[in-house]
Structures are given as C-alpha cells and as structure tokens.
Amino acid sequence: MPYSEADRAELDVLRSEWREALLAARAALRADEGVLKPEELESHERHLHDEFAGAAAKLRRFARDKGLSPELAEPFLPRGLAQRALALPATVRSCVFELDDVLVGSAALHREAWTHTLNELVESRPDTTYGRLTAPFDSQIDYAKHIAGRTRLEGVRTFLASRGIRLPEGHPADRPGTRTVHGLANRKNEWLGLLLEQRGVDAFDGVRHYLELAHDAGISCAVVSASAHAAEMLERSNLAELVDGSVDAETIATEQLRSRPAPDRLLAACRRLNVEPSRAAAFETTPAGVAAARAAGFAWVVAVEPTNDPDRFRELRHAGADVTVRGLADILQRFA
C-alpha cells in the first residue's frame, strides 16, 4: 500500500515524541543512581526496557500498516545503522548545516523582511536616480543577487549600490528605519522578529529525524546562519537541543568572518565542534556555499535544492557537490 505524506509526517511526530519521552525517563533513572536501592533501580531499568520495546513495536506496526519503512519508525537506531541512514562516509564525525532552506523554512521570512525594509526606503525617497524613479526591491531577483548569503550590513550596502543610493554608515545603535546603513539593517532585523512572532517557523520534513539519527551515530551537529535570529529559529522549530554549536550574525561580526565562497563561517563551525573539516560533512543550498565547503576541505558536501529545479541541481553539482537532494527527508527515504 503506497504511503501518503501525511502518514509519513504522523509517523515522524509519533517516533519523535516517543524518543523524547524515553530519553527523559532514562535521564531521570540515571539521576536516581545512588539514591534508589539496587533492586529498585534494576526494576525501573527493566520497566524502561519494556517501555522501549513496546514503543518500538507499536511504531513498527504503524509503519507497516501505512506502507512505511519499519527501520525509520524506530525511536533509536544502532550506531552503524544510523550512519547508513544518514548516507554519510564512514569517516565523517560531524555535520555543519546551513540553517535557512536546509533545516528550516525561514528564507521566505527573510525575503519578506527585506522587501518591507528596502521598499520602505525606496517609497520614501523624493529624488530619482539619473532622472528615473528608483526601482523597488524584487524579492526574487534582488534577494538572490544582492542579499542571499550576506550579512545584513553587506546586504544593505550591496542593494544601495545597485540602485545608486548613497547613505551614511551610521552607528550600530541607530533606530530601526533610520536612513543609514545600520538603521536599515536594524529595521530588517526588526521586521524579521515581527514575522517570526506572527508566523513562527518550522523545520522541514525529516530534519528532526536526521539530526536525531546523527546523535544515534555519534555525529555532532552545528548550524551556520547570517541571521541574528538563528537561536530563536532553532527554538521555535524544536531543534535547539539537537544542535551542538552555531555560527550566527553575532559570531560573524565578532570574528569578522567573510561571506561565502570564503570558507570562514564553515571553518568557525568546525572549531566549535572541535573537528577537522576533513572529518565533516557540509549541507549547503547555493553554489557559493558548495564552493566554500570545498575550499574549507570538507570530506562530503551535500547540496539541498528544495524547489527541485534541474538547472539549480546542475549548478550545484558543477560547484562541487557530492550529492544533490531536495531535503534531508529524501536522504532518509532513500535509505528506507
């Protein structure tokens, strides 16, 4: 019987909930070591073992009834099997993920925040550029050309240059919306915070499962994002406890990390995981990101293209990706 996406999503939620409950019970049991009598501790351990076996059997039965893979229904997988499910080389001990469009669907929020911010500026300008009205910000063309992969300040400067607009740099404490580079960057940050509050952000299908399997396999995980809201996005998408390190806007500014295709941000993530790039896998969404991973010396580079655009897949492979997928759920499904 062919499965539906709704069935697969339901299984993923059930498996994750059981996993969290079992981990909490195991943590509570470990906390009781030295407090409970040995026979009481042994009784609780047997009960927990039975709980795990019962949960796994129910999840496997649900999966079989829906035509889904029983292996992917398991709350936990043995290390070797988890490594196989991740489709990573055996030498890989860490993974570094781009946050936007790999783990969470936040790119659309970024585009909207930039659109509001920059068009507020364009609409408020009484003057023209070379006798013509300043063209508004295009969320598809301008975002990809001037914003994607850059810090907020770099994005503002690049867009202004594309329109022939000159503004003072200003100061980091400039009020959001002030007609300075910092004021516009702060306005974009304010808009993104408002959109996150209104709509939230979710992890893509399969992402939480992939990160959980990474932990089963003993593989550490880090995220990289140019956003000042990276930590909030991880919390809102219920991924924070599965991430061992992060490089965000504050890190980029403090350490003066260059944008892709420079490898700086990926190397910073490796430092946080205490791993050499030659023992890590990178998950990127752009040719510049793939090039950065290759420049950093990553052992394995996965390119994620959610729109399933054949031209984009070719660009990513040409940039040096070892494999291209629509998302992490595709990797798990291939294993199944």
Protein backbone atom coordinates (compact mmCIF):
# COMPACT_ATOMS: atom_id res chain seq x y z
CA MET A 1 0.00 0.00 0.00
CA PRO A 2 1.60 3.34 -1.03
CA TYR A 3 2.03 5.75 1.84
CA SER A 4 0.89 9.38 1.92
CA GLU A 5 2.97 12.34 3.04
CA ALA A 6 0.51 12.82 5.91
CA ASP A 7 1.15 9.24 7.08
CA ARG A 8 4.90 9.77 6.96
CA ALA A 9 4.62 13.06 8.86
CA GLU A 10 2.41 11.42 11.51
CA LEU A 11 4.91 8.61 11.97
CA ASP A 12 7.73 11.14 12.32
CA VAL A 13 5.84 13.01 15.06
CA LEU A 14 4.96 9.82 16.95
CA ARG A 15 8.52 8.49 16.74
CA SER A 16 9.99 11.80 17.92
CA GLU A 17 7.55 12.07 20.84
CA TRP A 18 8.34 8.54 21.98
CA ARG A 19 12.04 9.22 21.68
CA GLU A 20 11.82 12.35 23.84
CA ALA A 21 9.78 10.54 26.46
CA LEU A 22 12.21 7.61 26.61
CA LEU A 23 15.23 9.91 26.81
CA ALA A 24 13.60 11.85 29.66
CA ALA A 25 12.86 8.62 31.50
CA ARG A 26 16.43 7.41 31.02
CA ALA A 27 17.81 10.73 32.30
CA ALA A 28 15.57 10.53 35.37
CA LEU A 29 16.73 6.98 36.03
CA ARG A 30 20.38 7.99 35.84
CA ALA A 31 19.71 10.82 38.28
CA ASP A 32 18.36 8.24 40.73
CA GLU A 33 21.57 6.18 40.70
CA GLY A 34 22.99 6.18 44.20
CA VAL A 35 19.61 7.21 45.63
CA LEU A 36 17.47 4.17 44.92
CA LYS A 37 18.27 0.75 46.26
CA PRO A 38 19.95 -1.55 43.69
CA GLU A 39 16.87 -3.77 43.41
CA GLU A 40 14.60 -0.74 42.87
CA LEU A 41 16.94 0.64 40.22
CA GLU A 42 17.03 -2.71 38.46
CA SER A 43 13.23 -2.86 38.49
CA HIS A 44 12.98 0.61 36.93
CA GLU A 45 15.56 -0.34 34.30
CA ARG A 46 13.54 -3.43 33.33
CA HIS A 47 10.40 -1.31 33.12
CA LEU A 48 12.16 1.25 30.90
CA HIS A 49 13.46 -1.54 28.66
CA ASP A 50 9.92 -2.89 28.32
CA GLU A 51 8.62 0.61 27.55
CA PHE A 52 11.19 0.99 24.80
CA ALA A 53 10.41 -2.41 23.31
CA GLY A 54 6.67 -1.72 23.42
CA ALA A 55 7.01 1.69 21.81
CA ALA A 56 9.24 0.37 19.06
CA ALA A 57 6.81 -2.48 18.31
CA LYS A 58 3.84 -0.08 18.07
CA LEU A 59 5.72 2.27 15.79
CA ARG A 60 6.87 -0.56 13.51
CA ARG A 61 3.30 -1.84 13.32
CA PHE A 62 2.02 1.64 12.43
CA ALA A 63 4.69 1.94 9.74
CA ARG A 64 3.87 -1.44 8.20
CA ASP A 65 0.14 -0.65 8.20
CA LYS A 66 0.82 2.58 6.32
CA GLY A 67 3.33 1.09 3.89
CA LEU A 68 6.26 2.91 5.50
CA SER A 69 9.76 1.70 6.38
CA PRO A 70 9.86 -0.07 9.79
CA GLU A 71 13.52 0.96 10.19
CA LEU A 72 12.61 4.63 10.12
CA ALA A 73 9.93 4.03 12.76
CA GLU A 74 12.49 3.06 15.40
CA PRO A 75 12.86 5.64 18.22
CA PHE A 76 16.59 4.85 18.22
CA LEU A 77 18.86 3.07 15.74
CA PRO A 78 22.16 1.30 16.47
CA ARG A 79 25.19 3.41 15.59
CA GLY A 80 26.09 1.55 12.40
CA LEU A 81 22.55 1.53 11.05
CA ALA A 82 22.09 5.21 11.91
CA GLN A 83 25.27 6.04 9.98
CA ARG A 84 23.89 4.18 6.96
CA ALA A 85 20.57 6.04 7.18
CA LEU A 86 22.42 9.37 7.08
CA ALA A 87 24.17 8.34 3.83
CA LEU A 88 27.49 9.77 5.02
CA PRO A 89 31.00 8.37 4.53
CA ALA A 90 32.23 6.32 7.48
CA THR A 91 34.97 8.88 8.22
CA VAL A 92 32.50 11.72 8.88
CA ARG A 93 32.16 12.58 12.57
CA SER A 94 30.37 15.96 12.34
CA CYS A 95 27.82 17.77 10.19
CA VAL A 96 27.56 21.51 9.50
CA PHE A 97 24.19 22.70 8.21
CA GLU A 98 23.14 25.97 6.63
CA LEU A 99 20.08 26.93 8.68
CA ASP A 100 17.94 28.64 6.02
CA ASP A 101 16.42 26.31 3.42
CA VAL A 102 18.27 23.25 4.77
CA LEU A 103 16.85 22.89 8.28
CA VAL A 104 14.03 25.44 8.50
CA GLY A 105 11.77 27.24 6.06
CA SER A 106 12.94 30.72 7.01
CA ALA A 107 14.12 32.01 3.64
CA ALA A 108 10.63 33.28 2.76
CA LEU A 109 10.53 35.26 6.02
CA HIS A 110 13.93 36.79 5.25
CA ARG A 111 12.75 37.78 1.76
CA GLU A 112 9.61 39.40 3.13
CA ALA A 113 11.52 41.27 5.84
CA TRP A 114 13.96 42.61 3.24
CA THR A 115 11.11 43.54 0.90
CA HIS A 116 9.36 45.59 3.60
CA THR A 117 12.60 47.26 4.72
CA LEU A 118 14.05 48.24 1.36
CA ASN A 119 10.77 49.25 -0.25
CA GLU A 120 10.04 51.49 2.72
CA LEU A 121 13.26 53.26 1.80
CA VAL A 122 12.51 53.36 -1.94
CA GLU A 123 8.97 54.67 -1.42
CA SER A 124 10.17 57.38 0.97
CA ARG A 125 12.76 58.78 -1.46
CA PRO A 126 11.60 62.02 -3.11
CA ASP A 127 14.54 62.06 -5.54
CA THR A 128 15.33 59.93 -8.59
CA THR A 129 18.40 58.15 -9.88
CA TYR A 130 19.66 59.53 -13.20
CA GLY A 131 16.23 61.04 -13.83
CA ARG A 132 14.38 57.78 -13.25
CA LEU A 133 12.39 56.54 -10.30
CA THR A 134 14.32 54.09 -8.13
CA ALA A 135 13.24 50.53 -8.92
CA PRO A 136 11.63 48.75 -5.95
CA PHE A 137 13.20 45.71 -4.32
CA ASP A 138 12.27 42.47 -6.12
CA SER A 139 12.05 39.62 -3.61
CA GLN A 140 13.16 37.01 -6.14
CA ILE A 141 15.72 38.74 -8.36
CA ASP A 142 17.24 41.21 -5.90
CA TYR A 143 17.26 38.82 -2.95
CA ALA A 144 19.24 36.19 -4.87
CA LYS A 145 21.56 38.77 -6.46
CA HIS A 146 22.27 41.17 -3.61
CA ILE A 147 21.16 39.64 -0.28
CA ALA A 148 21.40 35.84 -0.07
CA GLY A 149 24.39 34.63 1.94
CA ARG A 150 25.43 38.10 3.04
CA THR A 151 25.19 39.71 6.46
CA ARG A 152 22.52 42.37 6.93
CA LEU A 153 25.04 45.20 6.61
CA GLU A 154 26.55 43.69 3.46
CA GLY A 155 23.09 43.16 2.02
CA VAL A 156 22.09 46.78 2.63
CA ARG A 157 25.30 48.11 1.08
CA THR A 158 25.01 45.86 -1.99
CA PHE A 159 21.37 46.80 -2.62
CA LEU A 160 22.04 50.51 -2.20
CA ALA A 161 24.93 50.30 -4.65
CA SER A 162 22.68 48.52 -7.17
CA ARG A 163 20.29 51.49 -7.06
CA GLY A 164 22.92 54.21 -6.96
CA ILE A 165 21.81 55.28 -3.48
CA ARG A 166 24.33 56.69 -1.02
CA LEU A 167 23.64 56.69 2.69
CA PRO A 168 25.93 57.23 5.69
CA GLU A 169 27.07 54.14 7.57
CA GLY A 170 25.60 55.37 10.83
CA HIS A 171 26.05 53.52 14.11
CA PRO A 172 25.04 50.02 15.32
CA ALA A 173 22.65 51.68 17.80
CA ASP A 174 20.75 53.59 15.09
CA ARG A 175 16.97 53.40 15.47
CA PRO A 176 15.41 50.88 13.03
CA GLY A 177 14.48 52.66 9.82
CA THR A 178 16.98 55.49 10.19
CA ARG A 179 18.32 56.46 6.77
CA THR A 180 21.73 54.92 7.40
CA VAL A 181 23.20 51.52 6.56
CA HIS A 182 22.92 50.44 10.19
CA GLY A 183 19.42 51.90 10.52
CA LEU A 184 18.18 49.84 7.56
CA ALA A 185 19.92 46.69 8.81
CA ASN A 186 18.26 47.17 12.19
CA ARG A 187 14.89 47.70 10.50
CA LYS A 188 15.28 44.41 8.61
CA ASN A 189 16.10 42.67 11.89
CA GLU A 190 13.02 44.25 13.48
CA TRP A 191 10.80 43.12 10.60
CA LEU A 192 12.12 39.56 10.82
CA GLY A 193 11.39 39.47 14.54
CA LEU A 194 7.82 40.62 13.90
CA LEU A 195 7.28 37.98 11.21
CA LEU A 196 8.67 35.24 13.44
CA GLU A 197 6.33 36.34 16.22
CA GLN A 198 3.33 36.34 13.87
CA ARG A 199 4.01 33.15 11.92
CA GLY A 200 6.72 31.17 13.66
CA VAL A 201 8.98 28.88 11.66
CA ASP A 202 9.02 25.11 11.21
CA ALA A 203 11.67 22.54 10.47
CA PHE A 204 11.39 20.84 7.09
CA ASP A 205 10.11 17.27 6.92
CA GLY A 206 12.73 14.77 8.03
CA VAL A 207 15.08 17.34 9.57
CA ARG A 208 14.47 16.48 13.22
CA HIS A 209 14.73 12.76 12.43
CA TYR A 210 18.01 13.30 10.56
CA LEU A 211 19.52 15.22 13.49
CA GLU A 212 18.33 12.57 15.95
CA LEU A 213 19.92 9.84 13.85
CA ALA A 214 23.13 11.86 13.75
CA HIS A 215 23.20 11.73 17.53
CA ASP A 216 22.49 7.99 17.45
CA ALA A 217 25.51 7.66 15.16
CA GLY A 218 27.71 9.72 17.48
CA ILE A 219 27.90 12.60 14.98
CA SER A 220 27.92 16.17 16.28
CA CYS A 221 25.93 18.91 14.53
CA ALA A 222 26.38 22.65 14.02
CA VAL A 223 24.41 25.28 12.12
CA VAL A 224 25.56 28.36 10.24
CA SER A 225 23.36 31.40 9.62
CA ALA A 226 23.92 35.09 8.92
CA SER A 227 20.74 35.83 10.91
CA ALA A 228 20.64 37.46 14.34
CA HIS A 229 17.54 35.31 14.98
CA ALA A 230 19.22 31.93 14.42
CA ALA A 231 18.86 30.81 18.05
CA GLU A 232 15.18 31.84 18.11
CA MET A 233 14.53 29.90 14.88
CA LEU A 234 16.10 26.78 16.35
CA GLU A 235 13.95 27.10 19.47
CA ARG A 236 10.73 27.75 17.52
CA SER A 237 11.39 24.79 15.21
CA ASN A 238 12.12 22.47 18.16
CA LEU A 239 15.69 21.75 17.02
CA ALA A 240 17.78 23.60 19.59
CA GLU A 241 18.56 20.59 21.78
CA LEU A 242 19.86 18.67 18.75
CA VAL A 243 22.44 21.31 17.76
CA ASP A 244 25.87 21.23 19.39
CA GLY A 245 27.22 24.54 18.08
CA SER A 246 26.25 27.52 15.96
CA VAL A 247 27.72 30.38 13.96
CA ASP A 248 25.29 33.31 13.72
CA ALA A 249 25.29 37.03 12.97
CA GLU A 250 26.97 37.89 16.28
CA THR A 251 29.74 35.34 15.67
CA ILE A 252 30.25 36.60 12.12
CA ALA A 253 30.59 40.19 13.30
CA THR A 254 32.79 39.41 16.31
CA GLU A 255 35.18 37.15 14.40
CA GLN A 256 34.94 39.19 11.16
CA LEU A 257 34.09 36.11 9.12
CA ARG A 258 33.88 36.58 5.37
CA SER A 259 30.85 35.60 3.32
CA ARG A 260 30.76 32.55 1.09
CA PRO A 261 32.52 31.45 -1.13
CA ALA A 262 35.16 32.17 1.53
CA PRO A 263 35.29 29.21 3.93
CA ASP A 264 35.44 31.30 7.13
CA ARG A 265 31.98 30.52 8.55
CA LEU A 266 32.22 26.79 7.92
CA LEU A 267 35.67 26.65 9.48
CA ALA A 268 34.32 28.54 12.52
CA ALA A 269 31.59 25.91 12.87
CA CYS A 270 34.22 23.14 12.77
CA ARG A 271 36.14 24.89 15.53
CA ARG A 272 33.03 24.90 17.68
CA LEU A 273 32.64 21.15 17.16
CA ASN A 274 36.39 20.57 17.63
CA VAL A 275 36.59 18.66 14.35
CA GLU A 276 38.76 18.92 11.25
CA PRO A 277 36.85 19.71 8.04
CA SER A 278 38.26 16.51 6.55
CA ARG A 279 36.11 14.65 9.10
CA ALA A 280 32.94 16.67 8.49
CA ALA A 281 30.05 17.00 6.02
CA ALA A 282 28.58 20.32 4.89
CA PHE A 283 24.97 20.88 3.82
CA GLU A 284 24.59 23.93 1.57
CA THR A 285 21.97 25.48 -0.72
CA THR A 286 23.97 27.67 -3.11
CA PRO A 287 26.92 27.25 -5.48
CA ALA A 288 28.84 29.74 -3.32
CA GLY A 289 28.12 27.61 -0.24
CA VAL A 290 29.28 24.45 -2.01
CA ALA A 291 32.45 26.26 -3.16
CA ALA A 292 33.07 27.41 0.42
CA ALA A 293 32.79 23.83 1.70
CA ARG A 294 35.22 22.65 -0.95
CA ALA A 295 37.64 25.46 -0.09
CA ALA A 296 37.40 24.51 3.59
CA GLY A 297 38.33 20.91 2.81
CA PHE A 298 35.11 19.19 3.88
CA ALA A 299 35.03 15.44 3.34
CA TRP A 300 31.49 15.41 1.96
CA VAL A 301 29.28 18.16 0.54
CA VAL A 302 25.50 17.78 0.25
CA ALA A 303 23.63 20.37 -1.82
CA VAL A 304 19.98 20.94 -0.90
CA GLU A 305 17.63 22.40 -3.53
CA PRO A 306 14.05 22.47 -2.15
CA THR A 307 12.48 23.67 -5.43
CA ASN A 308 13.75 20.63 -7.36
CA ASP A 309 14.98 22.89 -10.18
CA PRO A 310 17.11 20.81 -12.64
CA ASP A 311 19.19 23.85 -13.62
CA ARG A 312 19.97 24.54 -9.97
CA PHE A 313 20.94 20.91 -9.43
CA ARG A 314 23.39 21.16 -12.34
CA GLU A 315 24.87 24.39 -10.93
CA LEU A 316 25.33 22.81 -7.51
CA ARG A 317 26.97 19.69 -8.93
CA HIS A 318 29.23 21.85 -11.11
CA ALA A 319 30.26 23.79 -8.00
CA GLY A 320 31.48 20.54 -6.45
CA ALA A 321 28.58 18.94 -4.53
CA ASP A 322 28.99 15.21 -3.91
CA VAL A 323 25.22 14.70 -3.89
CA THR A 324 22.13 16.83 -4.51
CA VAL A 325 18.78 16.33 -2.76
CA ARG A 326 15.52 18.20 -2.26
CA GLY A 327 15.83 17.87 1.50
CA LEU A 328 17.02 15.68 4.35
CA ALA A 329 13.80 13.64 4.15
CA ASP A 330 14.92 12.48 0.69
CA ILE A 331 18.10 11.02 2.17
CA LEU A 332 16.16 9.07 4.78
CA GLN A 333 13.66 7.84 2.20
CA ARG A 334 16.48 6.54 0.00
CA PHE A 335 17.74 4.53 2.97
CA ALA A 336 14.24 3.16 3.56
